[in-house]
Amino acid sequence: MLGTLHSSQLTTASVTPRNGQARAQQAQAAPPAQPEAAAQRRGEWSIQLGAFPTEAAALATLREARESNGSQLGSADPYTERVERSGMTLIRARFAGFDRASADAACRVLKRNDYDCMPVRN
């Protein structure tokens, strides 16, 4: 499952007929887990596959990388992280759950498969 650093208020609505009338019920979704906390719990290192202009692009990169490099990323935790740089919002695509040696090894494999990758200390 992919995590994100943002997403403030999510609501869902369901329509249930009751005596011929539709009634909307709203449920407040639980706030998403903070990926930084997950990254710190699972290893001292993460790997970053890039910083993208949209969340969709970052998530697509994480999915594709896991699908094509499952042996290196199978137990890693994917997440995105929003960052502001020079007035622009970028979304970092990262996997957590590494020590230094395994982060380096994962990046070597990903780079051979044409992914940008850099180890990042949590």
PDB file of N, CA and C in Angstrom:
ATOM      1  N   MET A   1       0.846  -1.168   0.000  1.00  0.00           N
ATOM      2  CA  MET A   1       0.000   0.000   0.000  1.00  0.00           C
ATOM      3  C   MET A   1       0.891   1.231   0.000  1.00  0.00           C
ATOM      4  N   LEU A   2       0.514   2.244  -0.739  1.00  0.00           N
ATOM      5  CA  LEU A   2       1.294   3.457  -0.844  1.00  0.00           C
ATOM      6  C   LEU A   2       0.803   4.464   0.172  1.00  0.00           C
ATOM      7  N   GLY A   3       1.703   5.210   0.781  1.00  0.00           N
ATOM      8  CA  GLY A   3       1.342   6.244   1.737  1.00  0.00           C
ATOM      9  C   GLY A   3       1.627   7.613   1.164  1.00  0.00           C
ATOM     10  N   THR A   4       1.021   8.641   1.754  1.00  0.00           N
ATOM     11  CA  THR A   4       1.288  10.001   1.325  1.00  0.00           C
ATOM     12  C   THR A   4       1.462  10.883   2.537  1.00  0.00           C
ATOM     13  N   LEU A   5       2.105  12.016   2.346  1.00  0.00           N
ATOM     14  CA  LEU A   5       2.310  12.970   3.418  1.00  0.00           C
ATOM     15  C   LEU A   5       1.193  13.995   3.511  1.00  0.00           C
ATOM     16  N   HIS A   6       0.338  14.091   2.543  1.00  0.00           N
ATOM     17  CA  HIS A   6      -0.705  15.099   2.572  1.00  0.00           C
ATOM     18  C   HIS A   6      -2.068  14.448   2.421  1.00  0.00           C
ATOM     19  N   SER A   7      -3.069  15.240   2.425  1.00  0.00           N
ATOM     20  CA  SER A   7      -4.456  14.816   2.317  1.00  0.00           C
ATOM     21  C   SER A   7      -5.119  15.175   3.626  1.00  0.00           C
ATOM     22  N   SER A   8      -5.676  16.350   3.665  1.00  0.00           N
ATOM     23  CA  SER A   8      -6.190  16.842   4.923  1.00  0.00           C
ATOM     24  C   SER A   8      -7.524  16.221   5.306  1.00  0.00           C
ATOM     25  N   GLN A   9      -8.578  16.556   4.640  1.00  0.00           N
ATOM     26  CA  GLN A   9      -9.887  16.060   5.055  1.00  0.00           C
ATOM     27  C   GLN A   9     -10.512  15.248   3.937  1.00  0.00           C
ATOM     28  N   LEU A  10     -10.676  13.980   4.195  1.00  0.00           N
ATOM     29  CA  LEU A  10     -11.335  13.109   3.233  1.00  0.00           C
ATOM     30  C   LEU A  10     -12.716  12.779   3.763  1.00  0.00           C
ATOM     31  N   THR A  11     -13.698  12.869   2.910  1.00  0.00           N
ATOM     32  CA  THR A  11     -15.033  12.442   3.301  1.00  0.00           C
ATOM     33  C   THR A  11     -15.577  11.534   2.220  1.00  0.00           C
ATOM     34  N   THR A  12     -16.390  10.612   2.647  1.00  0.00           N
ATOM     35  CA  THR A  12     -17.065   9.749   1.690  1.00  0.00           C
ATOM     36  C   THR A  12     -18.558   9.841   1.958  1.00  0.00           C
ATOM     37  N   ALA A  13     -19.328   9.677   0.945  1.00  0.00           N
ATOM     38  CA  ALA A  13     -20.782   9.720   1.100  1.00  0.00           C
ATOM     39  C   ALA A  13     -21.376   8.476   0.474  1.00  0.00           C
ATOM     40  N   SER A  14     -22.372   7.914   1.146  1.00  0.00           N
ATOM     41  CA  SER A  14     -23.101   6.794   0.566  1.00  0.00           C
ATOM     42  C   SER A  14     -24.581   7.146   0.584  1.00  0.00           C
ATOM     43  N   VAL A  15     -25.286   6.732  -0.435  1.00  0.00           N
ATOM     44  CA  VAL A  15     -26.714   7.021  -0.526  1.00  0.00           C
ATOM     45  C   VAL A  15     -27.465   5.732  -0.240  1.00  0.00           C
ATOM     46  N   THR A  16     -28.302   5.770   0.780  1.00  0.00           N
ATOM     47  CA  THR A  16     -29.075   4.608   1.186  1.00  0.00           C
ATOM     48  C   THR A  16     -30.560   4.965   1.142  1.00  0.00           C
ATOM     49  N   PRO A  17     -31.364   4.279   0.308  1.00  0.00           N
ATOM     50  CA  PRO A  17     -32.802   4.572   0.265  1.00  0.00           C
ATOM     51  C   PRO A  17     -33.458   4.222   1.602  1.00  0.00           C
ATOM     52  N   ARG A  18     -34.330   5.106   2.082  1.00  0.00           N
ATOM     53  CA  ARG A  18     -35.058   4.848   3.320  1.00  0.00           C
ATOM     54  C   ARG A  18     -36.476   5.385   3.148  1.00  0.00           C
ATOM     55  N   ASN A  19     -37.422   4.488   3.131  1.00  0.00           N
ATOM     56  CA  ASN A  19     -38.828   4.851   2.922  1.00  0.00           C
ATOM     57  C   ASN A  19     -39.003   5.706   1.672  1.00  0.00           C
ATOM     58  N   GLY A  20     -38.351   5.289   0.583  1.00  0.00           N
ATOM     59  CA  GLY A  20     -38.515   6.004  -0.679  1.00  0.00           C
ATOM     60  C   GLY A  20     -37.656   7.252  -0.817  1.00  0.00           C
ATOM     61  N   GLN A  21     -36.907   7.625   0.198  1.00  0.00           N
ATOM     62  CA  GLN A  21     -36.071   8.818   0.110  1.00  0.00           C
ATOM     63  C   GLN A  21     -34.606   8.428   0.245  1.00  0.00           C
ATOM     64  N   ALA A  22     -33.753   9.151  -0.467  1.00  0.00           N
ATOM     65  CA  ALA A  22     -32.310   8.905  -0.376  1.00  0.00           C
ATOM     66  C   ALA A  22     -31.734   9.784   0.720  1.00  0.00           C
ATOM     67  N   ARG A  23     -30.841   9.207   1.448  1.00  0.00           N
ATOM     68  CA  ARG A  23     -30.225   9.949   2.535  1.00  0.00           C
ATOM     69  C   ARG A  23     -28.720   9.785   2.438  1.00  0.00           C
ATOM     70  N   ALA A  24     -27.987  10.853   2.493  1.00  0.00           N
ATOM     71  CA  ALA A  24     -26.523  10.799   2.398  1.00  0.00           C
ATOM     72  C   ALA A  24     -25.938  10.719   3.799  1.00  0.00           C
ATOM     73  N   GLN A  25     -25.006   9.843   3.928  1.00  0.00           N
ATOM     74  CA  GLN A  25     -24.290   9.714   5.190  1.00  0.00           C
ATOM     75  C   GLN A  25     -22.824   9.992   4.911  1.00  0.00           C
ATOM     76  N   GLN A  26     -22.228  10.814   5.712  1.00  0.00           N
ATOM     77  CA  GLN A  26     -20.822  11.122   5.524  1.00  0.00           C
ATOM     78  C   GLN A  26     -20.016  10.494   6.647  1.00  0.00           C
ATOM     79  N   ALA A  27     -18.876   9.970   6.245  1.00  0.00           N
ATOM     80  CA  ALA A  27     -17.959   9.385   7.223  1.00  0.00           C
ATOM     81  C   ALA A  27     -16.611  10.061   7.078  1.00  0.00           C
ATOM     82  N   GLN A  28     -16.073  10.475   8.157  1.00  0.00           N
ATOM     83  CA  GLN A  28     -14.763  11.120   8.152  1.00  0.00           C
ATOM     84  C   GLN A  28     -13.694  10.034   8.099  1.00  0.00           C
ATOM     85  N   ALA A  29     -12.810  10.100   7.134  1.00  0.00           N
ATOM     86  CA  ALA A  29     -11.726   9.122   7.014  1.00  0.00           C
ATOM     87  C   ALA A  29     -10.645   9.444   8.032  1.00  0.00           C
ATOM     88  N   ALA A  30     -10.003   8.417   8.519  1.00  0.00           N
ATOM     89  CA  ALA A  30      -8.897   8.621   9.452  1.00  0.00           C
ATOM     90  C   ALA A  30      -7.758   9.320   8.727  1.00  0.00           C
ATOM     91  N   PRO A  31      -7.039  10.209   9.416  1.00  0.00           N
ATOM     92  CA  PRO A  31      -5.919  10.877   8.759  1.00  0.00           C
ATOM     93  C   PRO A  31      -4.854   9.859   8.377  1.00  0.00           C
ATOM     94  N   PRO A  32      -4.165  10.075   7.255  1.00  0.00           N
ATOM     95  CA  PRO A  32      -3.156   9.113   6.818  1.00  0.00           C
ATOM     96  C   PRO A  32      -1.982   9.055   7.783  1.00  0.00           C
ATOM     97  N   ALA A  33      -1.369   7.894   7.875  1.00  0.00           N
ATOM     98  CA  ALA A  33      -0.182   7.749   8.717  1.00  0.00           C
ATOM     99  C   ALA A  33       0.922   8.625   8.153  1.00  0.00           C
ATOM    100  N   GLN A  34       1.730   9.174   9.014  1.00  0.00           N
ATOM    101  CA  GLN A  34       2.835  10.011   8.577  1.00  0.00           C
ATOM    102  C   GLN A  34       3.963   9.129   8.076  1.00  0.00           C
ATOM    103  N   PRO A  35       4.296   9.207   6.798  1.00  0.00           N
ATOM    104  CA  PRO A  35       5.348   8.353   6.240  1.00  0.00           C
ATOM    105  C   PRO A  35       6.687   8.523   6.928  1.00  0.00           C
ATOM    106  N   GLU A  36       6.983   9.738   7.426  1.00  0.00           N
ATOM    107  CA  GLU A  36       8.263   9.917   8.093  1.00  0.00           C
ATOM    108  C   GLU A  36       8.378   8.985   9.293  1.00  0.00           C
ATOM    109  N   ALA A  37       7.288   8.832  10.029  1.00  0.00           N
ATOM    110  CA  ALA A  37       7.315   7.941  11.184  1.00  0.00           C
ATOM    111  C   ALA A  37       7.570   6.507  10.743  1.00  0.00           C
ATOM    112  N   ALA A  38       6.914   6.088   9.663  1.00  0.00           N
ATOM    113  CA  ALA A  38       7.132   4.738   9.148  1.00  0.00           C
ATOM    114  C   ALA A  38       8.570   4.564   8.700  1.00  0.00           C
ATOM    115  N   ALA A  39       9.119   5.578   8.058  1.00  0.00           N
ATOM    116  CA  ALA A  39      10.496   5.497   7.575  1.00  0.00           C
ATOM    117  C   ALA A  39      11.461   5.366   8.746  1.00  0.00           C
ATOM    118  N   GLN A  40      11.204   6.082   9.833  1.00  0.00           N
ATOM    119  CA  GLN A  40      12.100   6.017  10.975  1.00  0.00           C
ATOM    120  C   GLN A  40      11.972   4.688  11.713  1.00  0.00           C
ATOM    121  N   ARG A  41      10.779   4.109  11.716  1.00  0.00           N
ATOM    122  CA  ARG A  41      10.599   2.818  12.378  1.00  0.00           C
ATOM    123  C   ARG A  41      11.278   1.698  11.611  1.00  0.00           C
ATOM    124  N   ARG A  42      11.259   1.768  10.294  1.00  0.00           N
ATOM    125  CA  ARG A  42      11.754   0.673   9.468  1.00  0.00           C
ATOM    126  C   ARG A  42      13.056   1.055   8.792  1.00  0.00           C
ATOM    127  N   GLY A  43      14.129   0.971   9.511  1.00  0.00           N
ATOM    128  CA  GLY A  43      15.434   1.221   8.923  1.00  0.00           C
ATOM    129  C   GLY A  43      15.852   2.671   9.031  1.00  0.00           C
ATOM    130  N   GLU A  44      17.141   2.876   8.972  1.00  0.00           N
ATOM    131  CA  GLU A  44      17.681   4.225   9.077  1.00  0.00           C
ATOM    132  C   GLU A  44      17.769   4.913   7.728  1.00  0.00           C
ATOM    133  N   TRP A  45      17.552   4.172   6.649  1.00  0.00           N
ATOM    134  CA  TRP A  45      17.721   4.716   5.310  1.00  0.00           C
ATOM    135  C   TRP A  45      16.486   4.498   4.453  1.00  0.00           C
ATOM    136  N   SER A  46      16.280   5.431   3.530  1.00  0.00           N
ATOM    137  CA  SER A  46      15.273   5.326   2.470  1.00  0.00           C
ATOM    138  C   SER A  46      16.000   5.481   1.149  1.00  0.00           C
ATOM    139  N   ILE A  47      15.304   5.188   0.071  1.00  0.00           N
ATOM    140  CA  ILE A  47      15.838   5.506  -1.254  1.00  0.00           C
ATOM    141  C   ILE A  47      14.829   6.407  -1.949  1.00  0.00           C
ATOM    142  N   GLN A  48      15.333   7.375  -2.685  1.00  0.00           N
ATOM    143  CA  GLN A  48      14.475   8.303  -3.415  1.00  0.00           C
ATOM    144  C   GLN A  48      14.625   8.059  -4.903  1.00  0.00           C
ATOM    145  N   LEU A  49      13.482   7.900  -5.575  1.00  0.00           N
ATOM    146  CA  LEU A  49      13.480   7.640  -7.011  1.00  0.00           C
ATOM    147  C   LEU A  49      13.229   8.893  -7.834  1.00  0.00           C
ATOM    148  N   GLY A  50      13.007  10.002  -7.190  1.00  0.00           N
ATOM    149  CA  GLY A  50      12.810  11.255  -7.912  1.00  0.00           C
ATOM    150  C   GLY A  50      11.873  12.180  -7.171  1.00  0.00           C
ATOM    151  N   ALA A  51      11.758  13.401  -7.698  1.00  0.00           N
ATOM    152  CA  ALA A  51      10.813  14.398  -7.200  1.00  0.00           C
ATOM    153  C   ALA A  51       9.984  14.836  -8.404  1.00  0.00           C
ATOM    154  N   PHE A  52       8.675  14.739  -8.284  1.00  0.00           N
ATOM    155  CA  PHE A  52       7.776  14.886  -9.419  1.00  0.00           C
ATOM    156  C   PHE A  52       6.812  16.049  -9.221  1.00  0.00           C
ATOM    157  N   PRO A  53       6.295  16.595 -10.316  1.00  0.00           N
ATOM    158  CA  PRO A  53       5.370  17.723 -10.198  1.00  0.00           C
ATOM    159  C   PRO A  53       3.988  17.326  -9.683  1.00  0.00           C
ATOM    160  N   THR A  54       3.644  16.030  -9.780  1.00  0.00           N
ATOM    161  CA  THR A  54       2.326  15.587  -9.314  1.00  0.00           C
ATOM    162  C   THR A  54       2.448  14.324  -8.468  1.00  0.00           C
ATOM    163  N   GLU A  55       1.483  14.161  -7.597  1.00  0.00           N
ATOM    164  CA  GLU A  55       1.389  12.953  -6.774  1.00  0.00           C
ATOM    165  C   GLU A  55       1.207  11.724  -7.661  1.00  0.00           C
ATOM    166  N   ALA A  56       0.396  11.861  -8.698  1.00  0.00           N
ATOM    167  CA  ALA A  56       0.136  10.734  -9.602  1.00  0.00           C
ATOM    168  C   ALA A  56       1.421  10.234 -10.250  1.00  0.00           C
ATOM    169  N   ALA A  57       2.282  11.136 -10.670  1.00  0.00           N
ATOM    170  CA  ALA A  57       3.548  10.738 -11.295  1.00  0.00           C
ATOM    171  C   ALA A  57       4.456  10.039 -10.291  1.00  0.00           C
ATOM    172  N   ALA A  58       4.496  10.541  -9.063  1.00  0.00           N
ATOM    173  CA  ALA A  58       5.321   9.918  -8.025  1.00  0.00           C
ATOM    174  C   ALA A  58       4.807   8.516  -7.698  1.00  0.00           C
ATOM    175  N   LEU A  59       3.496   8.381  -7.537  1.00  0.00           N
ATOM    176  CA  LEU A  59       2.912   7.075  -7.217  1.00  0.00           C
ATOM    177  C   LEU A  59       3.102   6.081  -8.357  1.00  0.00           C
ATOM    178  N   ALA A  60       2.982   6.551  -9.587  1.00  0.00           N
ATOM    179  CA  ALA A  60       3.186   5.670 -10.742  1.00  0.00           C
ATOM    180  C   ALA A  60       4.619   5.151 -10.770  1.00  0.00           C
ATOM    181  N   THR A  61       5.577   6.008 -10.470  1.00  0.00           N
ATOM    182  CA  THR A  61       6.981   5.588 -10.441  1.00  0.00           C
ATOM    183  C   THR A  61       7.208   4.545  -9.356  1.00  0.00           C
ATOM    184  N   LEU A  62       6.618   4.750  -8.181  1.00  0.00           N
ATOM    185  CA  LEU A  62       6.762   3.772  -7.098  1.00  0.00           C
ATOM    186  C   LEU A  62       6.161   2.423  -7.496  1.00  0.00           C
ATOM    187  N   ARG A  63       4.975   2.439  -8.094  1.00  0.00           N
ATOM    188  CA  ARG A  63       4.334   1.188  -8.524  1.00  0.00           C
ATOM    189  C   ARG A  63       5.176   0.469  -9.576  1.00  0.00           C
ATOM    190  N   GLU A  64       5.611   1.207 -10.586  1.00  0.00           N
ATOM    191  CA  GLU A  64       6.400   0.603 -11.665  1.00  0.00           C
ATOM    192  C   GLU A  64       7.719   0.043 -11.141  1.00  0.00           C
ATOM    193  N   ALA A  65       8.367   0.782 -10.260  1.00  0.00           N
ATOM    194  CA  ALA A  65       9.642   0.318  -9.707  1.00  0.00           C
ATOM    195  C   ALA A  65       9.450  -0.971  -8.917  1.00  0.00           C
ATOM    196  N   ARG A  66       8.394  -1.033  -8.118  1.00  0.00           N
ATOM    197  CA  ARG A  66       8.136  -2.245  -7.334  1.00  0.00           C
ATOM    198  C   ARG A  66       7.803  -3.419  -8.249  1.00  0.00           C
ATOM    199  N   GLU A  67       7.001  -3.181  -9.275  1.00  0.00           N
ATOM    200  CA  GLU A  67       6.622  -4.259 -10.196  1.00  0.00           C
ATOM    201  C   GLU A  67       7.828  -4.827 -10.933  1.00  0.00           C
ATOM    202  N   SER A  68       8.762  -3.976 -11.319  1.00  0.00           N
ATOM    203  CA  SER A  68       9.905  -4.449 -12.109  1.00  0.00           C
ATOM    204  C   SER A  68      11.132  -4.787 -11.272  1.00  0.00           C
ATOM    205  N   ASN A  69      11.111  -4.470  -9.981  1.00  0.00           N
ATOM    206  CA  ASN A  69      12.270  -4.718  -9.116  1.00  0.00           C
ATOM    207  C   ASN A  69      11.829  -5.269  -7.769  1.00  0.00           C
ATOM    208  N   GLY A  70      10.876  -6.169  -7.793  1.00  0.00           N
ATOM    209  CA  GLY A  70      10.304  -6.708  -6.568  1.00  0.00           C
ATOM    210  C   GLY A  70      11.302  -7.344  -5.628  1.00  0.00           C
ATOM    211  N   SER A  71      12.341  -7.975  -6.168  1.00  0.00           N
ATOM    212  CA  SER A  71      13.312  -8.633  -5.295  1.00  0.00           C
ATOM    213  C   SER A  71      14.061  -7.622  -4.434  1.00  0.00           C
ATOM    214  N   GLN A  72      14.265  -6.427  -4.922  1.00  0.00           N
ATOM    215  CA  GLN A  72      14.954  -5.389  -4.155  1.00  0.00           C
ATOM    216  C   GLN A  72      13.996  -4.567  -3.297  1.00  0.00           C
ATOM    217  N   LEU A  73      12.736  -4.473  -3.709  1.00  0.00           N
ATOM    218  CA  LEU A  73      11.794  -3.559  -3.060  1.00  0.00           C
ATOM    219  C   LEU A  73      10.624  -4.255  -2.383  1.00  0.00           C
ATOM    220  N   GLY A  74      10.598  -5.579  -2.424  1.00  0.00           N
ATOM    221  CA  GLY A  74       9.459  -6.327  -1.917  1.00  0.00           C
ATOM    222  C   GLY A  74       9.037  -5.998  -0.502  1.00  0.00           C
ATOM    223  N   SER A  75       9.979  -5.812   0.411  1.00  0.00           N
ATOM    224  CA  SER A  75       9.616  -5.542   1.801  1.00  0.00           C
ATOM    225  C   SER A  75       9.747  -4.065   2.162  1.00  0.00           C
ATOM    226  N   ALA A  76      10.130  -3.231   1.210  1.00  0.00           N
ATOM    227  CA  ALA A  76      10.272  -1.796   1.474  1.00  0.00           C
ATOM    228  C   ALA A  76       8.900  -1.125   1.501  1.00  0.00           C
ATOM    229  N   ASP A  77       8.805  -0.029   2.235  1.00  0.00           N
ATOM    230  CA  ASP A  77       7.554   0.717   2.374  1.00  0.00           C
ATOM    231  C   ASP A  77       7.554   1.930   1.448  1.00  0.00           C
ATOM    232  N   PRO A  78       6.714   1.947   0.411  1.00  0.00           N
ATOM    233  CA  PRO A  78       6.667   3.111  -0.478  1.00  0.00           C
ATOM    234  C   PRO A  78       5.913   4.268   0.174  1.00  0.00           C
ATOM    235  N   TYR A  79       6.363   5.479  -0.089  1.00  0.00           N
ATOM    236  CA  TYR A  79       5.649   6.661   0.381  1.00  0.00           C
ATOM    237  C   TYR A  79       6.026   7.866  -0.462  1.00  0.00           C
ATOM    238  N   THR A  80       5.199   8.898  -0.381  1.00  0.00           N
ATOM    239  CA  THR A  80       5.498  10.156  -1.043  1.00  0.00           C
ATOM    240  C   THR A  80       5.679  11.226   0.017  1.00  0.00           C
ATOM    241  N   GLU A  81       6.399  12.258  -0.354  1.00  0.00           N
ATOM    242  CA  GLU A  81       6.682  13.351   0.570  1.00  0.00           C
ATOM    243  C   GLU A  81       6.623  14.658  -0.208  1.00  0.00           C
ATOM    244  N   ARG A  82       5.780  15.560   0.232  1.00  0.00           N
ATOM    245  CA  ARG A  82       5.624  16.867  -0.418  1.00  0.00           C
ATOM    246  C   ARG A  82       6.724  17.799   0.088  1.00  0.00           C
ATOM    247  N   VAL A  83       7.323  18.556  -0.854  1.00  0.00           N
ATOM    248  CA  VAL A  83       8.379  19.504  -0.498  1.00  0.00           C
ATOM    249  C   VAL A  83       8.227  20.761  -1.350  1.00  0.00           C
ATOM    250  N   GLU A  84       8.520  21.906  -0.767  1.00  0.00           N
ATOM    251  CA  GLU A  84       8.506  23.184  -1.488  1.00  0.00           C
ATOM    252  C   GLU A  84       9.942  23.566  -1.804  1.00  0.00           C
ATOM    253  N   ARG A  85      10.218  23.828  -3.080  1.00  0.00           N
ATOM    254  CA  ARG A  85      11.552  24.245  -3.520  1.00  0.00           C
ATOM    255  C   ARG A  85      11.404  25.383  -4.517  1.00  0.00           C
ATOM    256  N   SER A  86      12.020  26.516  -4.232  1.00  0.00           N
ATOM    257  CA  SER A  86      12.012  27.670  -5.143  1.00  0.00           C
ATOM    258  C   SER A  86      10.596  28.022  -5.609  1.00  0.00           C
ATOM    259  N   GLY A  87       9.657  27.991  -4.685  1.00  0.00           N
ATOM    260  CA  GLY A  87       8.282  28.337  -5.011  1.00  0.00           C
ATOM    261  C   GLY A  87       7.498  27.255  -5.727  1.00  0.00           C
ATOM    262  N   MET A  88       8.107  26.095  -5.919  1.00  0.00           N
ATOM    263  CA  MET A  88       7.428  24.977  -6.587  1.00  0.00           C
ATOM    264  C   MET A  88       7.146  23.866  -5.582  1.00  0.00           C
ATOM    265  N   THR A  89       6.033  23.189  -5.765  1.00  0.00           N
ATOM    266  CA  THR A  89       5.730  22.012  -4.956  1.00  0.00           C
ATOM    267  C   THR A  89       6.160  20.781  -5.739  1.00  0.00           C
ATOM    268  N   LEU A  90       6.963  19.955  -5.105  1.00  0.00           N
ATOM    269  CA  LEU A  90       7.399  18.692  -5.702  1.00  0.00           C
ATOM    270  C   LEU A  90       6.989  17.556  -4.784  1.00  0.00           C
ATOM    271  N   ILE A  91       6.786  16.393  -5.363  1.00  0.00           N
ATOM    272  CA  ILE A  91       6.420  15.199  -4.608  1.00  0.00           C
ATOM    273  C   ILE A  91       7.555  14.190  -4.749  1.00  0.00           C
ATOM    274  N   ARG A  92       8.210  13.890  -3.640  1.00  0.00           N
ATOM    275  CA  ARG A  92       9.293  12.905  -3.650  1.00  0.00           C
ATOM    276  C   ARG A  92       8.705  11.500  -3.617  1.00  0.00           C
ATOM    277  N   ALA A  93       9.281  10.616  -4.401  1.00  0.00           N
ATOM    278  CA  ALA A  93       8.880   9.203  -4.418  1.00  0.00           C
ATOM    279  C   ALA A  93       9.968   8.414  -3.710  1.00  0.00           C
ATOM    280  N   ARG A  94       9.628   7.773  -2.595  1.00  0.00           N
ATOM    281  CA  ARG A  94      10.629   7.091  -1.775  1.00  0.00           C
ATOM    282  C   ARG A  94      10.147   5.724  -1.304  1.00  0.00           C
ATOM    283  N   PHE A  95      11.120   4.887  -0.992  1.00  0.00           N
ATOM    284  CA  PHE A  95      10.892   3.615  -0.308  1.00  0.00           C
ATOM    285  C   PHE A  95      11.682   3.652   0.992  1.00  0.00           C
ATOM    286  N   ALA A  96      11.060   3.256   2.099  1.00  0.00           N
ATOM    287  CA  ALA A  96      11.716   3.194   3.404  1.00  0.00           C
ATOM    288  C   ALA A  96      11.966   1.746   3.780  1.00  0.00           C
ATOM    289  N   GLY A  97      12.841   1.557   4.766  1.00  0.00           N
ATOM    290  CA  GLY A  97      13.059   0.222   5.312  1.00  0.00           C
ATOM    291  C   GLY A  97      14.411  -0.367   4.988  1.00  0.00           C
ATOM    292  N   PHE A  98      15.416   0.471   4.851  1.00  0.00           N
ATOM    293  CA  PHE A  98      16.746   0.010   4.474  1.00  0.00           C
ATOM    294  C   PHE A  98      17.783   0.367   5.529  1.00  0.00           C
ATOM    295  N   ASP A  99      18.866  -0.414   5.558  1.00  0.00           N
ATOM    296  CA  ASP A  99      20.083   0.050   6.207  1.00  0.00           C
ATOM    297  C   ASP A  99      20.952   0.614   5.082  1.00  0.00           C
ATOM    298  N   ARG A 100      22.110   1.163   5.397  1.00  0.00           N
ATOM    299  CA  ARG A 100      22.924   1.820   4.370  1.00  0.00           C
ATOM    300  C   ARG A 100      23.308   0.854   3.244  1.00  0.00           C
ATOM    301  N   ALA A 101      23.752  -0.335   3.602  1.00  0.00           N
ATOM    302  CA  ALA A 101      24.210  -1.292   2.586  1.00  0.00           C
ATOM    303  C   ALA A 101      23.067  -1.718   1.664  1.00  0.00           C
ATOM    304  N   SER A 102      21.892  -1.986   2.228  1.00  0.00           N
ATOM    305  CA  SER A 102      20.777  -2.427   1.380  1.00  0.00           C
ATOM    306  C   SER A 102      20.225  -1.277   0.533  1.00  0.00           C
ATOM    307  N   ALA A 103      20.296  -0.042   1.029  1.00  0.00           N
ATOM    308  CA  ALA A 103      19.886   1.116   0.223  1.00  0.00           C
ATOM    309  C   ALA A 103      20.815   1.276  -0.975  1.00  0.00           C
ATOM    310  N   ASP A 104      22.117   1.143  -0.734  1.00  0.00           N
ATOM    311  CA  ASP A 104      23.091   1.230  -1.833  1.00  0.00           C
ATOM    312  C   ASP A 104      22.856   0.116  -2.853  1.00  0.00           C
ATOM    313  N   ALA A 105      22.627  -1.099  -2.370  1.00  0.00           N
ATOM    314  CA  ALA A 105      22.405  -2.239  -3.270  1.00  0.00           C
ATOM    315  C   ALA A 105      21.130  -2.048  -4.093  1.00  0.00           C
ATOM    316  N   ALA A 106      20.064  -1.587  -3.452  1.00  0.00           N
ATOM    317  CA  ALA A 106      18.808  -1.362  -4.173  1.00  0.00           C
ATOM    318  C   ALA A 106      18.991  -0.294  -5.254  1.00  0.00           C
ATOM    319  N   CYS A 107      19.707   0.777  -4.934  1.00  0.00           N
ATOM    320  CA  CYS A 107      19.932   1.836  -5.927  1.00  0.00           C
ATOM    321  C   CYS A 107      20.778   1.338  -7.096  1.00  0.00           C
ATOM    322  N   ARG A 108      21.757   0.497  -6.828  1.00  0.00           N
ATOM    323  CA  ARG A 108      22.560  -0.050  -7.931  1.00  0.00           C
ATOM    324  C   ARG A 108      21.674  -0.820  -8.911  1.00  0.00           C
ATOM    325  N   VAL A 109      20.798  -1.657  -8.377  1.00  0.00           N
ATOM    326  CA  VAL A 109      19.898  -2.440  -9.231  1.00  0.00           C
ATOM    327  C   VAL A 109      18.930  -1.520  -9.972  1.00  0.00           C
ATOM    328  N   LEU A 110      18.336  -0.568  -9.279  1.00  0.00           N
ATOM    329  CA  LEU A 110      17.382   0.341  -9.912  1.00  0.00           C
ATOM    330  C   LEU A 110      18.044   1.169 -11.009  1.00  0.00           C
ATOM    331  N   LYS A 111      19.251   1.629 -10.773  1.00  0.00           N
ATOM    332  CA  LYS A 111      19.963   2.411 -11.792  1.00  0.00           C
ATOM    333  C   LYS A 111      20.252   1.570 -13.033  1.00  0.00           C
ATOM    334  N   ARG A 112      20.596   0.302 -12.832  1.00  0.00           N
ATOM    335  CA  ARG A 112      20.806  -0.592 -13.984  1.00  0.00           C
ATOM    336  C   ARG A 112      19.527  -0.761 -14.797  1.00  0.00           C
ATOM    337  N   ASN A 113      18.400  -0.582 -14.146  1.00  0.00           N
ATOM    338  CA  ASN A 113      17.094  -0.698 -14.808  1.00  0.00           C
ATOM    339  C   ASN A 113      16.519   0.673 -15.180  1.00  0.00           C
ATOM    340  N   ASP A 114      17.399   1.656 -15.320  1.00  0.00           N
ATOM    341  CA  ASP A 114      17.034   3.002 -15.797  1.00  0.00           C
ATOM    342  C   ASP A 114      16.153   3.818 -14.857  1.00  0.00           C
ATOM    343  N   TYR A 115      16.269   3.602 -13.558  1.00  0.00           N
ATOM    344  CA  TYR A 115      15.597   4.457 -12.581  1.00  0.00           C
ATOM    345  C   TYR A 115      16.627   5.380 -11.953  1.00  0.00           C
ATOM    346  N   ASP A 116      16.222   6.615 -11.671  1.00  0.00           N
ATOM    347  CA  ASP A 116      17.046   7.478 -10.843  1.00  0.00           C
ATOM    348  C   ASP A 116      16.891   6.960  -9.421  1.00  0.00           C
ATOM    349  N   CYS A 117      17.960   6.998  -8.643  1.00  0.00           N
ATOM    350  CA  CYS A 117      17.879   6.496  -7.274  1.00  0.00           C
ATOM    351  C   CYS A 117      19.007   7.082  -6.452  1.00  0.00           C
ATOM    352  N   MET A 118      18.682   7.490  -5.235  1.00  0.00           N
ATOM    353  CA  MET A 118      19.723   7.914  -4.308  1.00  0.00           C
ATOM    354  C   MET A 118      19.323   7.518  -2.892  1.00  0.00           C
ATOM    355  N   PRO A 119      20.287   6.991  -2.124  1.00  0.00           N
ATOM    356  CA  PRO A 119      20.023   6.679  -0.722  1.00  0.00           C
ATOM    357  C   PRO A 119      19.855   7.972   0.078  1.00  0.00           C
ATOM    358  N   VAL A 120      18.940   7.959   1.042  1.00  0.00           N
ATOM    359  CA  VAL A 120      18.672   9.123   1.879  1.00  0.00           C
ATOM    360  C   VAL A 120      18.596   8.655   3.325  1.00  0.00           C
ATOM    361  N   ARG A 121      19.373   9.282   4.180  1.00  0.00           N
ATOM    362  CA  ARG A 121      19.311   8.926   5.606  1.00  0.00           C
ATOM    363  C   ARG A 121      18.048   9.527   6.226  1.00  0.00           C
ATOM    364  N   ASN A 122      17.318   8.724   6.995  1.00  0.00           N
ATOM    365  CA  ASN A 122      16.081   9.197   7.645  1.00  0.00           C
ATOM    366  C   ASN A 122      16.391  10.099   8.817  1.00  0.00           C
TER     367      ASN A 122
END
